[in-house]
C-alpha atoms as a PDB file:
ATOM      1  CA  MET A   1       2.210  12.715 -16.839  1.00  0.00           C
ATOM      2  CA  GLN A   2       0.034  10.354 -15.012  1.00  0.00           C
ATOM      3  CA  ARG A   3      -3.104  12.438 -15.150  1.00  0.00           C
ATOM      4  CA  SER A   4      -2.576  12.745 -19.181  1.00  0.00           C
ATOM      5  CA  ARG A   5      -2.207   9.109 -19.429  1.00  0.00           C
ATOM      6  CA  ARG A   6      -5.213   8.179 -17.552  1.00  0.00           C
ATOM      7  CA  ARG A   7      -7.636  10.808 -19.229  1.00  0.00           C
ATOM      8  CA  ALA A   8      -6.171   8.960 -22.573  1.00  0.00           C
ATOM      9  CA  VAL A   9      -6.761   5.411 -21.356  1.00  0.00           C
ATOM     10  CA  LEU A  10     -10.487   6.677 -20.192  1.00  0.00           C
ATOM     11  CA  GLY A  11     -11.247   8.565 -23.458  1.00  0.00           C
ATOM     12  CA  SER A  12      -9.838   5.272 -25.338  1.00  0.00           C
ATOM     13  CA  VAL A  13     -12.584   3.427 -23.157  1.00  0.00           C
ATOM     14  CA  LEU A  14     -15.651   5.813 -23.555  1.00  0.00           C
ATOM     15  CA  ILE A  15     -14.862   5.587 -27.644  1.00  0.00           C
ATOM     16  CA  THR A  16     -14.759   2.243 -27.437  1.00  0.00           C
ATOM     17  CA  ALA A  17     -18.133   1.711 -25.524  1.00  0.00           C
ATOM     18  CA  ALA A  18     -19.469   4.174 -27.706  1.00  0.00           C
ATOM     19  CA  VAL A  19     -18.687   2.452 -31.004  1.00  0.00           C
ATOM     20  CA  VAL A  20     -19.730  -0.827 -29.213  1.00  0.00           C
ATOM     21  CA  LEU A  21     -23.355   0.616 -28.406  1.00  0.00           C
ATOM     22  CA  THR A  22     -23.911   2.703 -31.432  1.00  0.00           C
ATOM     23  CA  GLY A  23     -26.112   0.773 -33.831  1.00  0.00           C
ATOM     24  CA  CYS A  24     -25.584  -0.060 -37.494  1.00  0.00           C
ATOM     25  CA  GLY A  25     -27.776   1.062 -40.350  1.00  0.00           C
ATOM     26  CA  ASP A  26     -31.446  -0.288 -40.870  1.00  0.00           C
ATOM     27  CA  ASP A  27     -30.660  -3.402 -42.665  1.00  0.00           C
ATOM     28  CA  GLU A  28     -27.843  -4.806 -40.537  1.00  0.00           C
ATOM     29  CA  GLN A  29     -27.839  -6.642 -37.229  1.00  0.00           C
ATOM     30  CA  PRO A  30     -26.019  -4.581 -34.262  1.00  0.00           C
ATOM     31  CA  VAL A  31     -22.204  -4.908 -33.866  1.00  0.00           C
ATOM     32  CA  ARG A  32     -21.567  -7.702 -31.157  1.00  0.00           C
ATOM     33  CA  VAL A  33     -17.997  -7.010 -29.778  1.00  0.00           C
ATOM     34  CA  GLY A  34     -16.903  -9.589 -26.801  1.00  0.00           C
ATOM     35  CA  GLY A  35     -19.243  -9.483 -23.851  1.00  0.00           C
ATOM     36  CA  PRO A  36     -20.053 -10.862 -20.480  1.00  0.00           C
ATOM     37  CA  GLY A  37     -21.942 -13.632 -21.900  1.00  0.00           C
ATOM     38  CA  VAL A  38     -20.956 -17.383 -22.521  1.00  0.00           C
ATOM     39  CA  GLU A  39     -21.082 -19.425 -25.396  1.00  0.00           C
ATOM     40  CA  ALA A  40     -22.077 -23.217 -26.197  1.00  0.00           C
ATOM     41  CA  SER A  41     -23.148 -25.019 -28.812  1.00  0.00           C
ATOM     42  CA  VAL A  42     -25.272 -28.325 -29.831  1.00  0.00           C
ATOM     43  CA  GLY A  43     -25.671 -29.797 -33.192  1.00  0.00           C
ATOM     44  CA  ASP A  44     -25.630 -27.273 -35.987  1.00  0.00           C
ATOM     45  CA  MET A  45     -26.522 -24.509 -33.529  1.00  0.00           C
ATOM     46  CA  GLU A  46     -24.507 -22.167 -31.748  1.00  0.00           C
ATOM     47  CA  LEU A  47     -25.357 -19.762 -29.030  1.00  0.00           C
ATOM     48  CA  ARG A  48     -23.276 -16.602 -28.222  1.00  0.00           C
ATOM     49  CA  ASN A  49     -23.097 -14.265 -25.772  1.00  0.00           C
ATOM     50  CA  ILE A  50     -25.619 -15.631 -23.495  1.00  0.00           C
ATOM     51  CA  ARG A  51     -26.366 -13.433 -20.637  1.00  0.00           C
ATOM     52  CA  LEU A  52     -29.239 -11.781 -18.767  1.00  0.00           C
ATOM     53  CA  ASP A  53     -29.445  -8.107 -19.040  1.00  0.00           C
ATOM     54  CA  ASN A  54     -28.143  -5.556 -16.285  1.00  0.00           C
ATOM     55  CA  PRO A  55     -30.111  -6.364 -13.204  1.00  0.00           C
ATOM     56  CA  PRO A  56     -31.829  -2.757 -11.596  1.00  0.00           C
ATOM     57  CA  PRO A  57     -29.991  -1.480  -8.594  1.00  0.00           C
ATOM     58  CA  GLY A  58     -30.238  -3.968  -5.873  1.00  0.00           C
ATOM     59  CA  GLY A  59     -30.520  -6.946  -8.431  1.00  0.00           C
ATOM     60  CA  TYR A  60     -32.840  -9.011  -9.369  1.00  0.00           C
ATOM     61  CA  GLU A  61     -35.114  -9.938  -6.650  1.00  0.00           C
ATOM     62  CA  VAL A  62     -37.019 -13.012  -5.971  1.00  0.00           C
ATOM     63  CA  GLY A  63     -39.838 -13.177  -8.273  1.00  0.00           C
ATOM     64  CA  SER A  64     -38.900 -10.618 -10.679  1.00  0.00           C
ATOM     65  CA  ALA A  65     -38.105 -11.215 -14.419  1.00  0.00           C
ATOM     66  CA  ALA A  66     -34.936 -10.743 -16.346  1.00  0.00           C
ATOM     67  CA  LEU A  67     -34.284 -10.115 -20.445  1.00  0.00           C
ATOM     68  CA  LEU A  68     -32.541 -13.339 -21.658  1.00  0.00           C
ATOM     69  CA  GLY A  69     -29.960 -11.941 -24.492  1.00  0.00           C
ATOM     70  CA  VAL A  70     -28.290 -14.906 -26.734  1.00  0.00           C
ATOM     71  CA  ALA A  71     -27.385 -14.724 -30.384  1.00  0.00           C
ATOM     72  CA  MET A  72     -28.688 -18.214 -31.885  1.00  0.00           C
ATOM     73  CA  VAL A  73     -26.533 -19.162 -35.033  1.00  0.00           C
ATOM     74  CA  ASN A  74     -28.082 -21.561 -37.199  1.00  0.00           C
ATOM     75  CA  THR A  75     -24.609 -23.324 -39.024  1.00  0.00           C
ATOM     76  CA  GLY A  76     -26.778 -25.808 -40.685  1.00  0.00           C
ATOM     77  CA  ASP A  77     -28.303 -26.386 -44.080  1.00  0.00           C
ATOM     78  CA  GLU A  78     -31.629 -26.581 -42.300  1.00  0.00           C
ATOM     79  CA  GLU A  79     -33.908 -24.396 -40.314  1.00  0.00           C
ATOM     80  CA  ASP A  80     -34.179 -25.150 -36.720  1.00  0.00           C
ATOM     81  CA  GLN A  81     -36.454 -23.539 -34.225  1.00  0.00           C
ATOM     82  CA  LEU A  82     -36.061 -22.937 -30.634  1.00  0.00           C
ATOM     83  CA  VAL A  83     -38.849 -24.932 -28.855  1.00  0.00           C
ATOM     84  CA  GLY A  84     -38.017 -24.533 -25.325  1.00  0.00           C
ATOM     85  CA  VAL A  85     -36.092 -22.541 -22.431  1.00  0.00           C
ATOM     86  CA  SER A  86     -36.028 -23.832 -18.785  1.00  0.00           C
ATOM     87  CA  GLY A  87     -34.264 -23.861 -16.078  1.00  0.00           C
ATOM     88  CA  PRO A  88     -34.643 -24.785 -12.187  1.00  0.00           C
ATOM     89  CA  ASP A  89     -34.534 -21.067 -10.990  1.00  0.00           C
ATOM     90  CA  PHE A  90     -37.223 -19.448 -12.980  1.00  0.00           C
ATOM     91  CA  THR A  91     -41.041 -20.504 -13.394  1.00  0.00           C
ATOM     92  CA  ALA A  92     -41.393 -19.283 -17.030  1.00  0.00           C
ATOM     93  CA  VAL A  93     -40.071 -17.777 -20.095  1.00  0.00           C
ATOM     94  CA  LEU A  94     -42.266 -15.235 -21.715  1.00  0.00           C
ATOM     95  CA  VAL A  95     -41.980 -14.532 -25.568  1.00  0.00           C
ATOM     96  CA  ASP A  96     -42.279 -11.045 -26.597  1.00  0.00           C
ATOM     97  CA  GLU A  97     -43.541 -10.410 -23.445  1.00  0.00           C
ATOM     98  CA  ASN A  98     -46.842 -12.430 -24.019  1.00  0.00           C
ATOM     99  CA  PRO A  99     -47.822 -14.131 -20.673  1.00  0.00           C
ATOM    100  CA  ALA A 100     -49.950 -16.531 -22.334  1.00  0.00           C
ATOM    101  CA  THR A 101     -46.609 -17.918 -24.568  1.00  0.00           C
ATOM    102  CA  SER A 102     -44.503 -20.219 -22.783  1.00  0.00           C
ATOM    103  CA  ASN A 103     -43.201 -22.418 -26.206  1.00  0.00           C
ATOM    104  CA  PRO A 104     -41.011 -19.942 -27.834  1.00  0.00           C
ATOM    105  CA  ALA A 105     -41.637 -21.283 -31.125  1.00  0.00           C
ATOM    106  CA  VAL A 106     -38.533 -19.032 -32.889  1.00  0.00           C
ATOM    107  CA  THR A 107     -37.459 -20.149 -36.475  1.00  0.00           C
ATOM    108  CA  ILE A 108     -33.681 -19.935 -36.778  1.00  0.00           C
ATOM    109  CA  PRO A 109     -33.361 -20.097 -40.528  1.00  0.00           C
ATOM    110  CA  ALA A 110     -30.571 -21.698 -42.429  1.00  0.00           C
ATOM    111  CA  ASP A 111     -27.087 -19.990 -42.077  1.00  0.00           C
ATOM    112  CA  GLN A 112     -28.479 -17.320 -40.610  1.00  0.00           C
ATOM    113  CA  THR A 113     -28.739 -15.455 -36.841  1.00  0.00           C
ATOM    114  CA  VAL A 114     -31.308 -14.802 -34.707  1.00  0.00           C
ATOM    115  CA  PHE A 115     -30.881 -12.265 -31.609  1.00  0.00           C
ATOM    116  CA  THR A 116     -33.235 -12.251 -28.878  1.00  0.00           C
ATOM    117  CA  ASP A 117     -32.586  -8.804 -27.755  1.00  0.00           C
ATOM    118  CA  GLY A 118     -31.978  -6.742 -31.019  1.00  0.00           C
ATOM    119  CA  PRO A 119     -34.817  -4.545 -32.667  1.00  0.00           C
ATOM    120  CA  GLU A 120     -35.702  -7.042 -35.267  1.00  0.00           C
ATOM    121  CA  GLY A 121     -35.702 -10.348 -33.367  1.00  0.00           C
ATOM    122  CA  PRO A 122     -37.841 -11.874 -30.565  1.00  0.00           C
ATOM    123  CA  VAL A 123     -37.650 -10.893 -26.926  1.00  0.00           C
ATOM    124  CA  LEU A 124     -37.368 -13.704 -24.495  1.00  0.00           C
ATOM    125  CA  VAL A 125     -37.811 -13.165 -20.999  1.00  0.00           C
ATOM    126  CA  LEU A 126     -37.258 -15.423 -17.664  1.00  0.00           C
ATOM    127  CA  ALA A 127     -39.955 -14.617 -15.120  1.00  0.00           C
ATOM    128  CA  GLY A 128     -40.513 -15.408 -11.785  1.00  0.00           C
ATOM    129  CA  ILE A 129     -37.096 -15.867 -10.493  1.00  0.00           C
ATOM    130  CA  ASP A 130     -36.571 -18.055  -7.077  1.00  0.00           C
ATOM    131  CA  GLU A 131     -33.480 -16.298  -5.825  1.00  0.00           C
ATOM    132  CA  THR A 132     -31.950 -13.000  -5.478  1.00  0.00           C
ATOM    133  CA  LEU A 133     -29.194 -12.173  -8.446  1.00  0.00           C
ATOM    134  CA  LEU A 134     -26.314  -9.607  -8.746  1.00  0.00           C
ATOM    135  CA  SER A 135     -24.220  -8.970 -11.377  1.00  0.00           C
ATOM    136  CA  SER A 136     -21.755 -11.461 -12.843  1.00  0.00           C
ATOM    137  CA  GLU A 137     -23.757 -14.211 -10.947  1.00  0.00           C
ATOM    138  CA  ALA A 138     -25.183 -16.547 -12.777  1.00  0.00           C
ATOM    139  CA  LEU A 139     -28.693 -18.840 -13.454  1.00  0.00           C
ATOM    140  CA  PRO A 140     -28.900 -22.319 -15.352  1.00  0.00           C
ATOM    141  CA  VAL A 141     -30.622 -22.057 -18.667  1.00  0.00           C
ATOM    142  CA  THR A 142     -31.538 -24.892 -20.995  1.00  0.00           C
ATOM    143  CA  PHE A 143     -32.237 -24.102 -24.493  1.00  0.00           C
ATOM    144  CA  THR A 144     -34.084 -27.063 -26.466  1.00  0.00           C
ATOM    145  CA  PHE A 145     -33.904 -26.901 -30.607  1.00  0.00           C
ATOM    146  CA  GLU A 146     -36.160 -29.146 -32.614  1.00  0.00           C
ATOM    147  CA  ARG A 147     -33.468 -30.682 -34.496  1.00  0.00           C
ATOM    148  CA  ALA A 148     -30.054 -29.624 -32.895  1.00  0.00           C
ATOM    149  CA  GLY A 149     -31.168 -30.943 -29.392  1.00  0.00           C
ATOM    150  CA  GLU A 150     -30.588 -29.355 -25.936  1.00  0.00           C
ATOM    151  CA  VAL A 151     -28.012 -27.281 -24.284  1.00  0.00           C
ATOM    152  CA  THR A 152     -27.375 -25.940 -20.563  1.00  0.00           C
ATOM    153  CA  VAL A 153     -25.634 -23.169 -19.868  1.00  0.00           C
ATOM    154  CA  ASP A 154     -24.643 -20.721 -16.649  1.00  0.00           C
ATOM    155  CA  ALA A 155     -26.116 -17.760 -18.275  1.00  0.00           C
ATOM    156  CA  PRO A 156     -24.604 -14.773 -16.143  1.00  0.00           C
ATOM    157  CA  VAL A 157     -26.115 -11.249 -15.136  1.00  0.00           C
ATOM    158  CA  SER A 158     -24.557  -8.548 -16.579  1.00  0.00           C
ATOM    159  CA  ALA A 159     -22.548  -5.943 -15.337  1.00  0.00           C
ATOM    160  CA  PRO A 160     -24.050  -2.528 -16.073  1.00  0.00           C
ATOM    161  CA  LEU A 161     -21.210  -0.167 -18.085  1.00  0.00           C
ATOM    162  CA  ARG A 162     -21.048   2.181 -15.302  1.00  0.00           C
ATOM    163  CA  LEU A 163     -20.181  -0.547 -12.970  1.00  0.00           C
ATOM    164  CA  THR A 164     -17.497  -1.754 -15.431  1.00  0.00           C
ATOM    165  CA  LEU A 165     -16.041   1.511 -15.769  1.00  0.00           C
ATOM    166  CA  ASP A 166     -16.317   2.422 -12.448  1.00  0.00           C
ATOM    167  CA  ARG A 167     -13.860  -0.400 -11.797  1.00  0.00           C
ATOM    168  CA  PHE A 168     -11.609   0.159 -14.270  1.00  0.00           C
ATOM    169  CA  LEU A 169     -10.536   3.624 -13.142  1.00  0.00           C
ATOM    170  CA  ARG A 170     -10.365   1.977  -9.290  1.00  0.00           C
ATOM    171  CA  GLU A 171      -7.502  -0.183 -11.086  1.00  0.00           C
ATOM    172  CA  GLN A 172      -6.112   2.256 -12.991  1.00  0.00           C
ATOM    173  CA  ALA A 173      -5.886   4.539 -10.290  1.00  0.00           C
ATOM    174  CA  ALA A 174      -4.249   1.907  -7.894  1.00  0.00           C
ATOM    175  CA  ASP A 175      -1.288   1.480 -10.252  1.00  0.00           C
END
């Protein structure tokens, strides 16, 4: 009885994970369901699911780089532009993996959302991380927008799905 319940729960978790990880059609944005990231807002800009990508085994080492994921939602009537990403614990932000670009210059049209980790949006990478970071630790990141202003958040390091499932299964086994 206990074993079949665990299998049913595991099956539900795997199906949910597959749905979350499956992309939508070509014209649609990826589906985002919750997530480990944090949210913030400044002016007409809402930032959702802010996080650093899953680290390599052993975490992000000193001097490494991490993908910065965020959904930037412009709720205003005018376009805005992300003009800066900064923080005390990394040396630069690279846009679309171009080392010569430190100014993001990412335009967010009015009443639109721009994802920094989707197939259509820009790619933001924090370079020169100056401390070792493991899953669930955080790095302060300041987003500066031309119109909306500036907001600082603690961007958490995402936990790989496998670790999340392993933890869930261990907790279930303990019950």
